[in-house]
Amino acid sequence: MHIPKENPAINEWAPSWAQFIPDEEQLQNFLNWGYFSYELKMPDGTPISDKPSKVLSLNSNICYDLNFDAFTHFEDPGNMLQWFENELNDLEKQEGSAIVLAHVPNLDECLR
């Protein structure tokens, strides 16, 4: 079982990424599990649209073919997939939109 804040890669990159995650709850989600969301806004803080628009950033380490730890763990650390589904359902209900990011390309590496 994975433990929050026990991912060396996330811990190494957290200082660089923290500046892009203005929401404290989502920052903690990233620091714990490596995934987060935030609302897209103009530089002055106003929404970019009258409907919600978000960036959803996934922790796709499970897809990295040199992540040998992933071969022995089949759970969803931090319930990311349920979180992702909830975020998308919420946006769909509001006729919103999302930009989905993942740091490991999902071409031929993500076989699970």
N, C-alpha and C. Protein backbone atom coordinates (compact mmCIF):
# COMPACT_ATOMS: atom_id res chain seq x y z
N MET A 1 0.84 -1.18 0.00
CA MET A 1 0.00 0.00 0.00
C MET A 1 0.88 1.25 0.00
N HIS A 2 0.54 2.20 -0.81
CA HIS A 2 1.29 3.45 -0.87
C HIS A 2 0.88 4.37 0.28
N ILE A 3 1.82 5.17 0.72
CA ILE A 3 1.61 6.09 1.83
C ILE A 3 1.78 7.51 1.30
N PRO A 4 0.90 8.44 1.71
CA PRO A 4 1.06 9.83 1.25
C PRO A 4 2.47 10.34 1.50
N LYS A 5 2.96 11.12 0.57
CA LYS A 5 4.27 11.77 0.66
C LYS A 5 5.44 10.80 0.68
N GLU A 6 5.21 9.55 0.27
CA GLU A 6 6.28 8.56 0.24
C GLU A 6 6.77 8.28 -1.18
N ASN A 7 6.55 9.21 -2.09
CA ASN A 7 6.97 9.03 -3.47
C ASN A 7 8.18 9.92 -3.73
N PRO A 8 9.37 9.34 -3.89
CA PRO A 8 10.58 10.15 -4.07
C PRO A 8 10.52 11.08 -5.27
N ALA A 9 9.91 10.65 -6.37
CA ALA A 9 9.85 11.52 -7.55
C ALA A 9 8.99 12.75 -7.28
N ILE A 10 7.85 12.56 -6.63
CA ILE A 10 6.99 13.71 -6.30
C ILE A 10 7.71 14.63 -5.33
N ASN A 11 8.35 14.06 -4.33
CA ASN A 11 9.06 14.87 -3.35
C ASN A 11 10.17 15.70 -4.00
N GLU A 12 10.84 15.12 -5.00
CA GLU A 12 11.91 15.84 -5.68
C GLU A 12 11.38 17.01 -6.50
N TRP A 13 10.24 16.81 -7.17
CA TRP A 13 9.71 17.83 -8.08
C TRP A 13 8.73 18.78 -7.42
N ALA A 14 8.30 18.51 -6.21
CA ALA A 14 7.30 19.34 -5.53
C ALA A 14 7.66 20.82 -5.49
N PRO A 15 8.89 21.20 -5.15
CA PRO A 15 9.20 22.64 -5.10
C PRO A 15 9.01 23.33 -6.45
N SER A 16 9.30 22.64 -7.55
CA SER A 16 9.14 23.24 -8.87
C SER A 16 7.67 23.37 -9.27
N TRP A 17 6.86 22.39 -8.91
CA TRP A 17 5.46 22.36 -9.32
C TRP A 17 4.55 23.19 -8.42
N ALA A 18 4.92 23.38 -7.18
CA ALA A 18 4.03 24.05 -6.21
C ALA A 18 3.58 25.43 -6.69
N GLN A 19 4.43 26.13 -7.42
CA GLN A 19 4.08 27.47 -7.90
C GLN A 19 2.91 27.46 -8.88
N PHE A 20 2.62 26.32 -9.50
CA PHE A 20 1.55 26.23 -10.48
C PHE A 20 0.22 25.76 -9.88
N ILE A 21 0.20 25.50 -8.58
CA ILE A 21 -1.00 24.95 -7.93
C ILE A 21 -1.44 25.92 -6.84
N PRO A 22 -2.28 26.91 -7.19
CA PRO A 22 -2.64 27.96 -6.24
C PRO A 22 -3.61 27.52 -5.14
N ASP A 23 -4.36 26.48 -5.35
CA ASP A 23 -5.35 26.02 -4.37
C ASP A 23 -4.66 25.12 -3.34
N GLU A 24 -4.79 25.46 -2.06
CA GLU A 24 -4.08 24.73 -1.00
C GLU A 24 -4.50 23.26 -0.93
N GLU A 25 -5.79 22.98 -1.09
CA GLU A 25 -6.26 21.59 -1.04
C GLU A 25 -5.66 20.77 -2.19
N GLN A 26 -5.63 21.36 -3.38
CA GLN A 26 -5.07 20.66 -4.53
C GLN A 26 -3.55 20.53 -4.41
N LEU A 27 -2.90 21.52 -3.82
CA LEU A 27 -1.46 21.42 -3.58
C LEU A 27 -1.17 20.24 -2.66
N GLN A 28 -1.95 20.10 -1.61
CA GLN A 28 -1.76 18.96 -0.70
C GLN A 28 -2.02 17.64 -1.41
N ASN A 29 -3.01 17.62 -2.29
CA ASN A 29 -3.30 16.42 -3.07
C ASN A 29 -2.08 16.05 -3.93
N PHE A 30 -1.48 17.06 -4.55
CA PHE A 30 -0.28 16.82 -5.35
C PHE A 30 0.87 16.33 -4.48
N LEU A 31 1.10 16.99 -3.36
CA LEU A 31 2.21 16.60 -2.49
C LEU A 31 2.03 15.18 -1.94
N ASN A 32 0.78 14.79 -1.70
CA ASN A 32 0.50 13.45 -1.20
C ASN A 32 0.54 12.38 -2.28
N TRP A 33 -0.05 12.69 -3.45
CA TRP A 33 -0.30 11.64 -4.44
C TRP A 33 0.16 11.95 -5.85
N GLY A 34 0.50 13.20 -6.15
CA GLY A 34 1.01 13.53 -7.47
C GLY A 34 -0.03 13.92 -8.50
N TYR A 35 -1.27 14.13 -8.11
CA TYR A 35 -2.29 14.60 -9.05
C TYR A 35 -3.02 15.79 -8.46
N PHE A 36 -3.59 16.64 -9.33
CA PHE A 36 -4.26 17.85 -8.85
C PHE A 36 -5.12 18.43 -9.96
N SER A 37 -5.95 19.40 -9.60
CA SER A 37 -6.71 20.17 -10.58
C SER A 37 -6.67 21.63 -10.18
N TYR A 38 -6.90 22.49 -11.15
CA TYR A 38 -7.10 23.90 -10.85
C TYR A 38 -7.92 24.53 -11.95
N GLU A 39 -8.64 25.58 -11.57
CA GLU A 39 -9.49 26.29 -12.53
C GLU A 39 -8.64 27.19 -13.40
N LEU A 40 -8.94 27.19 -14.68
CA LEU A 40 -8.26 28.09 -15.60
C LEU A 40 -8.81 29.50 -15.43
N LYS A 41 -7.93 30.45 -15.27
CA LYS A 41 -8.33 31.85 -15.09
C LYS A 41 -7.41 32.74 -15.89
N MET A 42 -7.90 33.93 -16.15
CA MET A 42 -7.08 34.94 -16.82
C MET A 42 -6.02 35.44 -15.83
N PRO A 43 -4.98 36.11 -16.31
CA PRO A 43 -3.95 36.62 -15.40
C PRO A 43 -4.50 37.50 -14.27
N ASP A 44 -5.62 38.19 -14.52
CA ASP A 44 -6.19 39.03 -13.47
C ASP A 44 -7.10 38.26 -12.51
N GLY A 45 -7.21 36.93 -12.69
CA GLY A 45 -8.00 36.11 -11.79
C GLY A 45 -9.44 35.86 -12.21
N THR A 46 -9.89 36.48 -13.30
CA THR A 46 -11.25 36.25 -13.76
C THR A 46 -11.32 34.93 -14.53
N PRO A 47 -12.46 34.24 -14.47
CA PRO A 47 -12.60 32.98 -15.21
C PRO A 47 -12.43 33.19 -16.71
N ILE A 48 -11.96 32.19 -17.40
CA ILE A 48 -11.76 32.32 -18.85
C ILE A 48 -13.07 32.13 -19.62
N SER A 49 -14.09 31.65 -18.94
CA SER A 49 -15.37 31.37 -19.59
C SER A 49 -16.48 31.47 -18.56
N ASP A 50 -17.71 31.54 -19.03
CA ASP A 50 -18.84 31.54 -18.10
C ASP A 50 -19.14 30.12 -17.60
N LYS A 51 -18.50 29.12 -18.19
CA LYS A 51 -18.61 27.73 -17.74
C LYS A 51 -17.26 27.30 -17.18
N PRO A 52 -17.27 26.39 -16.21
CA PRO A 52 -16.01 26.00 -15.59
C PRO A 52 -15.03 25.37 -16.58
N SER A 53 -13.79 25.72 -16.42
CA SER A 53 -12.70 25.14 -17.20
C SER A 53 -11.58 24.81 -16.23
N LYS A 54 -11.11 23.58 -16.29
CA LYS A 54 -10.08 23.13 -15.36
C LYS A 54 -8.94 22.43 -16.08
N VAL A 55 -7.80 22.46 -15.43
CA VAL A 55 -6.68 21.60 -15.79
C VAL A 55 -6.71 20.44 -14.79
N LEU A 56 -6.68 19.22 -15.31
CA LEU A 56 -6.62 18.03 -14.47
C LEU A 56 -5.29 17.36 -14.76
N SER A 57 -4.43 17.29 -13.77
CA SER A 57 -3.11 16.71 -13.94
C SER A 57 -3.06 15.37 -13.22
N LEU A 58 -2.80 14.31 -13.98
CA LEU A 58 -2.78 12.96 -13.44
C LEU A 58 -1.36 12.52 -13.10
N ASN A 59 -1.25 11.66 -12.12
CA ASN A 59 0.02 11.02 -11.81
C ASN A 59 0.07 9.74 -12.62
N SER A 60 0.80 9.77 -13.71
CA SER A 60 0.83 8.62 -14.61
C SER A 60 2.08 7.77 -14.43
N ASN A 61 2.68 7.80 -13.25
CA ASN A 61 3.84 6.95 -12.97
C ASN A 61 3.53 5.48 -13.17
N ILE A 62 2.26 5.10 -13.00
CA ILE A 62 1.86 3.71 -13.20
C ILE A 62 2.15 3.28 -14.64
N CYS A 63 2.21 4.23 -15.56
CA CYS A 63 2.45 3.93 -16.98
C CYS A 63 3.93 3.90 -17.36
N TYR A 64 4.78 4.34 -16.48
CA TYR A 64 6.21 4.41 -16.79
C TYR A 64 6.78 3.00 -16.77
N ASP A 65 7.30 2.54 -17.91
CA ASP A 65 7.72 1.14 -18.01
C ASP A 65 8.95 0.81 -17.17
N LEU A 66 9.66 1.80 -16.66
CA LEU A 66 10.79 1.53 -15.77
C LEU A 66 10.41 1.71 -14.30
N ASN A 67 9.13 1.89 -14.02
CA ASN A 67 8.65 1.97 -12.64
C ASN A 67 8.36 0.54 -12.17
N PHE A 68 9.38 -0.14 -11.73
CA PHE A 68 9.25 -1.55 -11.38
C PHE A 68 8.34 -1.76 -10.17
N ASP A 69 8.18 -0.75 -9.34
CA ASP A 69 7.27 -0.84 -8.21
C ASP A 69 5.82 -1.03 -8.69
N ALA A 70 5.50 -0.50 -9.86
CA ALA A 70 4.14 -0.60 -10.39
C ALA A 70 3.76 -2.03 -10.74
N PHE A 71 4.74 -2.90 -10.96
CA PHE A 71 4.43 -4.29 -11.30
C PHE A 71 3.90 -5.07 -10.10
N THR A 72 4.15 -4.58 -8.91
CA THR A 72 3.71 -5.31 -7.72
C THR A 72 2.54 -4.64 -7.00
N HIS A 73 2.19 -3.42 -7.38
CA HIS A 73 1.09 -2.71 -6.73
C HIS A 73 -0.04 -2.48 -7.74
N PHE A 74 -1.20 -2.98 -7.42
CA PHE A 74 -2.31 -2.87 -8.35
C PHE A 74 -3.44 -2.00 -7.82
N GLU A 75 -3.18 -1.30 -6.73
CA GLU A 75 -4.20 -0.39 -6.20
C GLU A 75 -4.08 0.98 -6.87
N ASP A 76 -5.00 1.82 -6.57
CA ASP A 76 -5.05 3.17 -7.12
C ASP A 76 -4.63 4.13 -6.00
N PRO A 77 -3.33 4.46 -5.92
CA PRO A 77 -2.86 5.31 -4.81
C PRO A 77 -3.60 6.64 -4.75
N GLY A 78 -4.12 6.94 -3.58
CA GLY A 78 -4.81 8.21 -3.38
C GLY A 78 -6.16 8.29 -4.07
N ASN A 79 -6.67 7.15 -4.56
CA ASN A 79 -7.98 7.11 -5.26
C ASN A 79 -8.04 8.08 -6.43
N MET A 80 -6.94 8.15 -7.19
CA MET A 80 -6.88 9.09 -8.30
C MET A 80 -7.95 8.83 -9.36
N LEU A 81 -8.19 7.58 -9.69
CA LEU A 81 -9.16 7.31 -10.75
C LEU A 81 -10.57 7.72 -10.35
N GLN A 82 -10.93 7.50 -9.09
CA GLN A 82 -12.24 7.96 -8.61
C GLN A 82 -12.31 9.48 -8.60
N TRP A 83 -11.24 10.12 -8.16
CA TRP A 83 -11.15 11.58 -8.17
C TRP A 83 -11.32 12.11 -9.60
N PHE A 84 -10.61 11.49 -10.55
CA PHE A 84 -10.67 11.90 -11.95
C PHE A 84 -12.09 11.77 -12.50
N GLU A 85 -12.73 10.64 -12.21
CA GLU A 85 -14.11 10.44 -12.64
C GLU A 85 -15.03 11.49 -12.03
N ASN A 86 -14.87 11.78 -10.75
CA ASN A 86 -15.69 12.80 -10.08
C ASN A 86 -15.49 14.17 -10.71
N GLU A 87 -14.24 14.54 -10.98
CA GLU A 87 -13.94 15.83 -11.60
C GLU A 87 -14.61 15.94 -12.96
N LEU A 88 -14.49 14.89 -13.78
CA LEU A 88 -15.08 14.92 -15.11
C LEU A 88 -16.60 14.95 -15.06
N ASN A 89 -17.20 14.17 -14.15
CA ASN A 89 -18.66 14.19 -14.01
C ASN A 89 -19.16 15.57 -13.59
N ASP A 90 -18.44 16.19 -12.65
CA ASP A 90 -18.82 17.52 -12.20
C ASP A 90 -18.75 18.53 -13.34
N LEU A 91 -17.69 18.48 -14.11
CA LEU A 91 -17.55 19.39 -15.25
C LEU A 91 -18.63 19.13 -16.30
N GLU A 92 -18.94 17.86 -16.52
CA GLU A 92 -19.97 17.53 -17.52
C GLU A 92 -21.33 18.08 -17.10
N LYS A 93 -21.67 17.96 -15.83
CA LYS A 93 -22.95 18.49 -15.33
C LYS A 93 -23.05 20.00 -15.53
N GLN A 94 -21.92 20.68 -15.46
CA GLN A 94 -21.89 22.14 -15.60
C GLN A 94 -21.56 22.58 -17.03
N GLU A 95 -21.50 21.61 -17.95
CA GLU A 95 -21.12 21.87 -19.34
C GLU A 95 -19.76 22.55 -19.43
N GLY A 96 -18.87 22.16 -18.52
CA GLY A 96 -17.53 22.72 -18.49
C GLY A 96 -16.57 21.96 -19.38
N SER A 97 -15.31 22.30 -19.28
CA SER A 97 -14.29 21.66 -20.10
C SER A 97 -13.05 21.40 -19.26
N ALA A 98 -12.19 20.52 -19.78
CA ALA A 98 -10.97 20.16 -19.06
C ALA A 98 -9.82 19.98 -20.03
N ILE A 99 -8.64 20.32 -19.55
CA ILE A 99 -7.39 19.97 -20.21
C ILE A 99 -6.77 18.93 -19.30
N VAL A 100 -6.48 17.75 -19.84
CA VAL A 100 -5.94 16.66 -19.03
C VAL A 100 -4.45 16.52 -19.34
N LEU A 101 -3.65 16.54 -18.27
CA LEU A 101 -2.20 16.40 -18.38
C LEU A 101 -1.76 15.09 -17.73
N ALA A 102 -0.74 14.50 -18.30
CA ALA A 102 -0.08 13.35 -17.68
C ALA A 102 1.39 13.44 -18.08
N HIS A 103 2.29 13.16 -17.17
CA HIS A 103 3.69 13.37 -17.46
C HIS A 103 4.36 12.18 -18.14
N VAL A 104 3.72 11.01 -18.16
CA VAL A 104 4.24 9.86 -18.89
C VAL A 104 3.34 9.67 -20.10
N PRO A 105 3.90 9.74 -21.31
CA PRO A 105 3.06 9.58 -22.50
C PRO A 105 2.32 8.25 -22.49
N ASN A 106 1.06 8.29 -22.81
CA ASN A 106 0.24 7.08 -22.82
C ASN A 106 0.16 6.54 -24.25
N LEU A 107 1.29 6.28 -24.84
CA LEU A 107 1.32 5.74 -26.20
C LEU A 107 1.33 4.22 -26.14
N ASP A 108 2.47 3.67 -25.81
CA ASP A 108 2.56 2.22 -25.73
C ASP A 108 3.06 1.75 -24.38
N GLU A 109 3.29 2.67 -23.46
CA GLU A 109 3.81 2.28 -22.16
C GLU A 109 2.73 1.88 -21.18
N CYS A 110 1.54 2.47 -21.28
CA CYS A 110 0.51 2.22 -20.27
C CYS A 110 -0.32 1.01 -20.66
N LEU A 111 0.11 -0.15 -20.20
CA LEU A 111 -0.57 -1.39 -20.56
C LEU A 111 -1.53 -1.86 -19.49
N ARG A 112 -1.66 -1.12 -18.38
CA ARG A 112 -2.51 -1.57 -17.28
C ARG A 112 -3.77 -0.75 -17.24
